[in-house]
Amino acid sequence: MGAHRVMRQDDNGNRFLVAAGLERAEAERLAAEFEARGHKQLYWVEAEAQEQDDAAG
């Protein structure tokens, strides 16, 4: 399982990182919690890029 992050886009189109390093279920729960607040911002979950663990090999 990879790490996931929650992103936000405001009503001006600016995108921000809300939280990172989460399990997918936790990221989805957090995004849903923010969405439920009724603000104009858009929240979504995306997978974080996997780092190359064996860069030397």
PDB file of N, CA and C in Angstrom:
ATOM      1  N   MET A   1       0.847  -1.193   0.000  1.00  0.00           N
ATOM      2  CA  MET A   1       0.000   0.000   0.000  1.00  0.00           C
ATOM      3  C   MET A   1       0.883   1.244   0.000  1.00  0.00           C
ATOM      4  N   GLY A   2       0.576   2.189  -0.859  1.00  0.00           N
ATOM      5  CA  GLY A   2       1.340   3.412  -0.908  1.00  0.00           C
ATOM      6  C   GLY A   2       0.734   4.488  -0.043  1.00  0.00           C
ATOM      7  N   ALA A   3       1.504   5.529   0.156  1.00  0.00           N
ATOM      8  CA  ALA A   3       1.029   6.667   0.924  1.00  0.00           C
ATOM      9  C   ALA A   3       0.161   7.549   0.026  1.00  0.00           C
ATOM     10  N   HIS A   4      -0.791   8.219   0.644  1.00  0.00           N
ATOM     11  CA  HIS A   4      -1.703   9.102  -0.071  1.00  0.00           C
ATOM     12  C   HIS A   4      -1.699  10.477   0.573  1.00  0.00           C
ATOM     13  N   ARG A   5      -2.123  11.468  -0.199  1.00  0.00           N
ATOM     14  CA  ARG A   5      -2.213  12.825   0.321  1.00  0.00           C
ATOM     15  C   ARG A   5      -3.570  13.409  -0.006  1.00  0.00           C
ATOM     16  N   VAL A   6      -3.948  14.409   0.780  1.00  0.00           N
ATOM     17  CA  VAL A   6      -5.190  15.143   0.559  1.00  0.00           C
ATOM     18  C   VAL A   6      -4.803  16.507  -0.005  1.00  0.00           C
ATOM     19  N   MET A   7      -5.445  16.865  -1.109  1.00  0.00           N
ATOM     20  CA  MET A   7      -5.188  18.131  -1.766  1.00  0.00           C
ATOM     21  C   MET A   7      -6.440  18.993  -1.705  1.00  0.00           C
ATOM     22  N   ARG A   8      -6.242  20.313  -1.822  1.00  0.00           N
ATOM     23  CA  ARG A   8      -7.362  21.262  -1.806  1.00  0.00           C
ATOM     24  C   ARG A   8      -7.172  22.264  -2.931  1.00  0.00           C
ATOM     25  N   GLN A   9      -8.269  22.606  -3.582  1.00  0.00           N
ATOM     26  CA  GLN A   9      -8.263  23.683  -4.566  1.00  0.00           C
ATOM     27  C   GLN A   9      -9.271  24.723  -4.127  1.00  0.00           C
ATOM     28  N   ASP A  10      -8.821  25.973  -4.008  1.00  0.00           N
ATOM     29  CA  ASP A  10      -9.728  27.036  -3.577  1.00  0.00           C
ATOM     30  C   ASP A  10     -10.512  27.589  -4.767  1.00  0.00           C
ATOM     31  N   ASP A  11     -11.377  28.532  -4.492  1.00  0.00           N
ATOM     32  CA  ASP A  11     -12.237  29.075  -5.545  1.00  0.00           C
ATOM     33  C   ASP A  11     -11.485  29.946  -6.552  1.00  0.00           C
ATOM     34  N   ASN A  12     -10.198  30.202  -6.315  1.00  0.00           N
ATOM     35  CA  ASN A  12      -9.354  30.928  -7.267  1.00  0.00           C
ATOM     36  C   ASN A  12      -8.501  29.988  -8.116  1.00  0.00           C
ATOM     37  N   GLY A  13      -8.642  28.670  -7.891  1.00  0.00           N
ATOM     38  CA  GLY A  13      -7.879  27.688  -8.651  1.00  0.00           C
ATOM     39  C   GLY A  13      -6.521  27.344  -8.066  1.00  0.00           C
ATOM     40  N   ASN A  14      -6.192  27.906  -6.909  1.00  0.00           N
ATOM     41  CA  ASN A  14      -4.923  27.595  -6.253  1.00  0.00           C
ATOM     42  C   ASN A  14      -5.017  26.235  -5.577  1.00  0.00           C
ATOM     43  N   ARG A  15      -3.966  25.425  -5.705  1.00  0.00           N
ATOM     44  CA  ARG A  15      -3.948  24.081  -5.116  1.00  0.00           C
ATOM     45  C   ARG A  15      -2.970  24.020  -3.963  1.00  0.00           C
ATOM     46  N   PHE A  16      -3.380  23.303  -2.904  1.00  0.00           N
ATOM     47  CA  PHE A  16      -2.579  23.213  -1.689  1.00  0.00           C
ATOM     48  C   PHE A  16      -2.561  21.784  -1.161  1.00  0.00           C
ATOM     49  N   LEU A  17      -1.455  21.411  -0.563  1.00  0.00           N
ATOM     50  CA  LEU A  17      -1.345  20.145   0.143  1.00  0.00           C
ATOM     51  C   LEU A  17      -1.958  20.318   1.521  1.00  0.00           C
ATOM     52  N   VAL A  18      -2.904  19.455   1.874  1.00  0.00           N
ATOM     53  CA  VAL A  18      -3.558  19.510   3.185  1.00  0.00           C
ATOM     54  C   VAL A  18      -2.884  18.542   4.151  1.00  0.00           C
ATOM     55  N   ALA A  19      -2.658  17.317   3.704  1.00  0.00           N
ATOM     56  CA  ALA A  19      -2.028  16.295   4.547  1.00  0.00           C
ATOM     57  C   ALA A  19      -1.353  15.277   3.646  1.00  0.00           C
ATOM     58  N   ALA A  20      -0.288  14.652   4.140  1.00  0.00           N
ATOM     59  CA  ALA A  20       0.453  13.672   3.347  1.00  0.00           C
ATOM     60  C   ALA A  20       0.858  12.490   4.217  1.00  0.00           C
ATOM     61  N   GLY A  21       1.258  11.409   3.564  1.00  0.00           N
ATOM     62  CA  GLY A  21       1.743  10.235   4.273  1.00  0.00           C
ATOM     63  C   GLY A  21       0.648   9.418   4.929  1.00  0.00           C
ATOM     64  N   LEU A  22      -0.568   9.490   4.401  1.00  0.00           N
ATOM     65  CA  LEU A  22      -1.708   8.812   5.005  1.00  0.00           C
ATOM     66  C   LEU A  22      -2.042   7.527   4.264  1.00  0.00           C
ATOM     67  N   GLU A  23      -2.628   6.576   4.981  1.00  0.00           N
ATOM     68  CA  GLU A  23      -3.226   5.418   4.328  1.00  0.00           C
ATOM     69  C   GLU A  23      -4.414   5.932   3.525  1.00  0.00           C
ATOM     70  N   ARG A  24      -4.772   5.250   2.448  1.00  0.00           N
ATOM     71  CA  ARG A  24      -5.841   5.723   1.574  1.00  0.00           C
ATOM     72  C   ARG A  24      -7.155   5.957   2.330  1.00  0.00           C
ATOM     73  N   ALA A  25      -7.545   5.028   3.197  1.00  0.00           N
ATOM     74  CA  ALA A  25      -8.813   5.161   3.928  1.00  0.00           C
ATOM     75  C   ALA A  25      -8.820   6.407   4.803  1.00  0.00           C
ATOM     76  N   GLU A  26      -7.709   6.690   5.461  1.00  0.00           N
ATOM     77  CA  GLU A  26      -7.622   7.876   6.315  1.00  0.00           C
ATOM     78  C   GLU A  26      -7.658   9.149   5.467  1.00  0.00           C
ATOM     79  N   ALA A  27      -6.970   9.135   4.336  1.00  0.00           N
ATOM     80  CA  ALA A  27      -6.978  10.298   3.447  1.00  0.00           C
ATOM     81  C   ALA A  27      -8.388  10.567   2.923  1.00  0.00           C
ATOM     82  N   GLU A  28      -9.102   9.520   2.541  1.00  0.00           N
ATOM     83  CA  GLU A  28     -10.473   9.687   2.058  1.00  0.00           C
ATOM     84  C   GLU A  28     -11.394  10.191   3.165  1.00  0.00           C
ATOM     85  N   ARG A  29     -11.204   9.709   4.396  1.00  0.00           N
ATOM     86  CA  ARG A  29     -12.003  10.174   5.522  1.00  0.00           C
ATOM     87  C   ARG A  29     -11.762  11.664   5.770  1.00  0.00           C
ATOM     88  N   LEU A  30     -10.503  12.065   5.741  1.00  0.00           N
ATOM     89  CA  LEU A  30     -10.160  13.463   5.971  1.00  0.00           C
ATOM     90  C   LEU A  30     -10.727  14.362   4.871  1.00  0.00           C
ATOM     91  N   ALA A  31     -10.598  13.948   3.614  1.00  0.00           N
ATOM     92  CA  ALA A  31     -11.148  14.731   2.505  1.00  0.00           C
ATOM     93  C   ALA A  31     -12.661  14.864   2.643  1.00  0.00           C
ATOM     94  N   ALA A  32     -13.332  13.785   3.008  1.00  0.00           N
ATOM     95  CA  ALA A  32     -14.791  13.824   3.187  1.00  0.00           C
ATOM     96  C   ALA A  32     -15.183  14.747   4.335  1.00  0.00           C
ATOM     97  N   GLU A  33     -14.380  14.739   5.392  1.00  0.00           N
ATOM     98  CA  GLU A  33     -14.646  15.619   6.536  1.00  0.00           C
ATOM     99  C   GLU A  33     -14.585  17.082   6.123  1.00  0.00           C
ATOM    100  N   PHE A  34     -13.553  17.453   5.352  1.00  0.00           N
ATOM    101  CA  PHE A  34     -13.431  18.827   4.886  1.00  0.00           C
ATOM    102  C   PHE A  34     -14.543  19.179   3.900  1.00  0.00           C
ATOM    103  N   GLU A  35     -14.881  18.265   2.982  1.00  0.00           N
ATOM    104  CA  GLU A  35     -15.960  18.494   2.014  1.00  0.00           C
ATOM    105  C   GLU A  35     -17.283  18.763   2.729  1.00  0.00           C
ATOM    106  N   ALA A  36     -17.527  18.059   3.828  1.00  0.00           N
ATOM    107  CA  ALA A  36     -18.788  18.175   4.559  1.00  0.00           C
ATOM    108  C   ALA A  36     -18.958  19.540   5.224  1.00  0.00           C
ATOM    109  N   ARG A  37     -17.890  20.295   5.350  1.00  0.00           N
ATOM    110  CA  ARG A  37     -17.970  21.614   5.981  1.00  0.00           C
ATOM    111  C   ARG A  37     -18.661  22.645   5.104  1.00  0.00           C
ATOM    112  N   GLY A  38     -18.849  22.321   3.825  1.00  0.00           N
ATOM    113  CA  GLY A  38     -19.625  23.175   2.944  1.00  0.00           C
ATOM    114  C   GLY A  38     -18.903  24.383   2.381  1.00  0.00           C
ATOM    115  N   HIS A  39     -17.587  24.427   2.469  1.00  0.00           N
ATOM    116  CA  HIS A  39     -16.846  25.547   1.887  1.00  0.00           C
ATOM    117  C   HIS A  39     -16.786  25.394   0.369  1.00  0.00           C
ATOM    118  N   LYS A  40     -16.355  26.416  -0.311  1.00  0.00           N
ATOM    119  CA  LYS A  40     -16.279  26.390  -1.767  1.00  0.00           C
ATOM    120  C   LYS A  40     -15.089  25.574  -2.282  1.00  0.00           C
ATOM    121  N   GLN A  41     -14.166  25.220  -1.412  1.00  0.00           N
ATOM    122  CA  GLN A  41     -12.986  24.504  -1.850  1.00  0.00           C
ATOM    123  C   GLN A  41     -13.317  23.071  -2.274  1.00  0.00           C
ATOM    124  N   LEU A  42     -12.491  22.543  -3.163  1.00  0.00           N
ATOM    125  CA  LEU A  42     -12.590  21.172  -3.634  1.00  0.00           C
ATOM    126  C   LEU A  42     -11.470  20.370  -2.976  1.00  0.00           C
ATOM    127  N   TYR A  43     -11.786  19.206  -2.438  1.00  0.00           N
ATOM    128  CA  TYR A  43     -10.798  18.337  -1.801  1.00  0.00           C
ATOM    129  C   TYR A  43     -10.756  17.013  -2.535  1.00  0.00           C
ATOM    130  N   TRP A  44      -9.551  16.432  -2.667  1.00  0.00           N
ATOM    131  CA  TRP A  44      -9.433  15.114  -3.280  1.00  0.00           C
ATOM    132  C   TRP A  44      -8.216  14.390  -2.719  1.00  0.00           C
ATOM    133  N   VAL A  45      -8.190  13.082  -2.983  1.00  0.00           N
ATOM    134  CA  VAL A  45      -7.111  12.210  -2.525  1.00  0.00           C
ATOM    135  C   VAL A  45      -6.326  11.761  -3.750  1.00  0.00           C
ATOM    136  N   GLU A  46      -5.016  11.755  -3.610  1.00  0.00           N
ATOM    137  CA  GLU A  46      -4.178  11.214  -4.683  1.00  0.00           C
ATOM    138  C   GLU A  46      -3.016  10.445  -4.073  1.00  0.00           C
ATOM    139  N   ALA A  47      -2.536   9.472  -4.816  1.00  0.00           N
ATOM    140  CA  ALA A  47      -1.391   8.682  -4.364  1.00  0.00           C
ATOM    141  C   ALA A  47      -0.137   9.544  -4.441  1.00  0.00           C
ATOM    142  N   GLU A  48       0.729   9.382  -3.456  1.00  0.00           N
ATOM    143  CA  GLU A  48       2.010  10.077  -3.483  1.00  0.00           C
ATOM    144  C   GLU A  48       2.970   9.304  -4.369  1.00  0.00           C
ATOM    145  N   ALA A  49       3.870   9.987  -5.037  1.00  0.00           N
ATOM    146  CA  ALA A  49       4.863   9.346  -5.885  1.00  0.00           C
ATOM    147  C   ALA A  49       5.768   8.478  -5.021  1.00  0.00           C
ATOM    148  N   GLN A  50       6.047   7.295  -5.510  1.00  0.00           N
ATOM    149  CA  GLN A  50       6.941   6.396  -4.786  1.00  0.00           C
ATOM    150  C   GLN A  50       8.379   6.833  -4.997  1.00  0.00           C
ATOM    151  N   GLU A  51       9.121   6.937  -3.912  1.00  0.00           N
ATOM    152  CA  GLU A  51      10.544   7.274  -3.986  1.00  0.00           C
ATOM    153  C   GLU A  51      11.310   6.033  -4.424  1.00  0.00           C
ATOM    154  N   GLN A  52      12.367   6.212  -5.155  1.00  0.00           N
ATOM    155  CA  GLN A  52      13.222   5.097  -5.562  1.00  0.00           C
ATOM    156  C   GLN A  52      14.064   4.697  -4.358  1.00  0.00           C
ATOM    157  N   ASP A  53      13.719   3.556  -3.718  1.00  0.00           N
ATOM    158  CA  ASP A  53      14.412   3.110  -2.514  1.00  0.00           C
ATOM    159  C   ASP A  53      15.828   2.638  -2.800  1.00  0.00           C
ATOM    160  N   ASP A  54      16.062   2.095  -3.980  1.00  0.00           N
ATOM    161  CA  ASP A  54      17.365   1.519  -4.294  1.00  0.00           C
ATOM    162  C   ASP A  54      18.018   2.312  -5.421  1.00  0.00           C
ATOM    163  N   ALA A  55      18.293   3.581  -5.177  1.00  0.00           N
ATOM    164  CA  ALA A  55      18.853   4.446  -6.200  1.00  0.00           C
ATOM    165  C   ALA A  55      20.282   4.045  -6.548  1.00  0.00           C
ATOM    166  N   ALA A  56      21.005   3.476  -5.601  1.00  0.00           N
ATOM    167  CA  ALA A  56      22.395   3.112  -5.840  1.00  0.00           C
ATOM    168  C   ALA A  56      22.546   1.795  -6.591  1.00  0.00           C
ATOM    169  N   GLY A  57      21.507   0.972  -6.606  1.00  0.00           N
ATOM    170  CA  GLY A  57      21.666  -0.368  -7.151  1.00  0.00           C
ATOM    171  C   GLY A  57      21.179  -0.503  -8.499  1.00  0.00           C
TER     172      GLY A  57
END
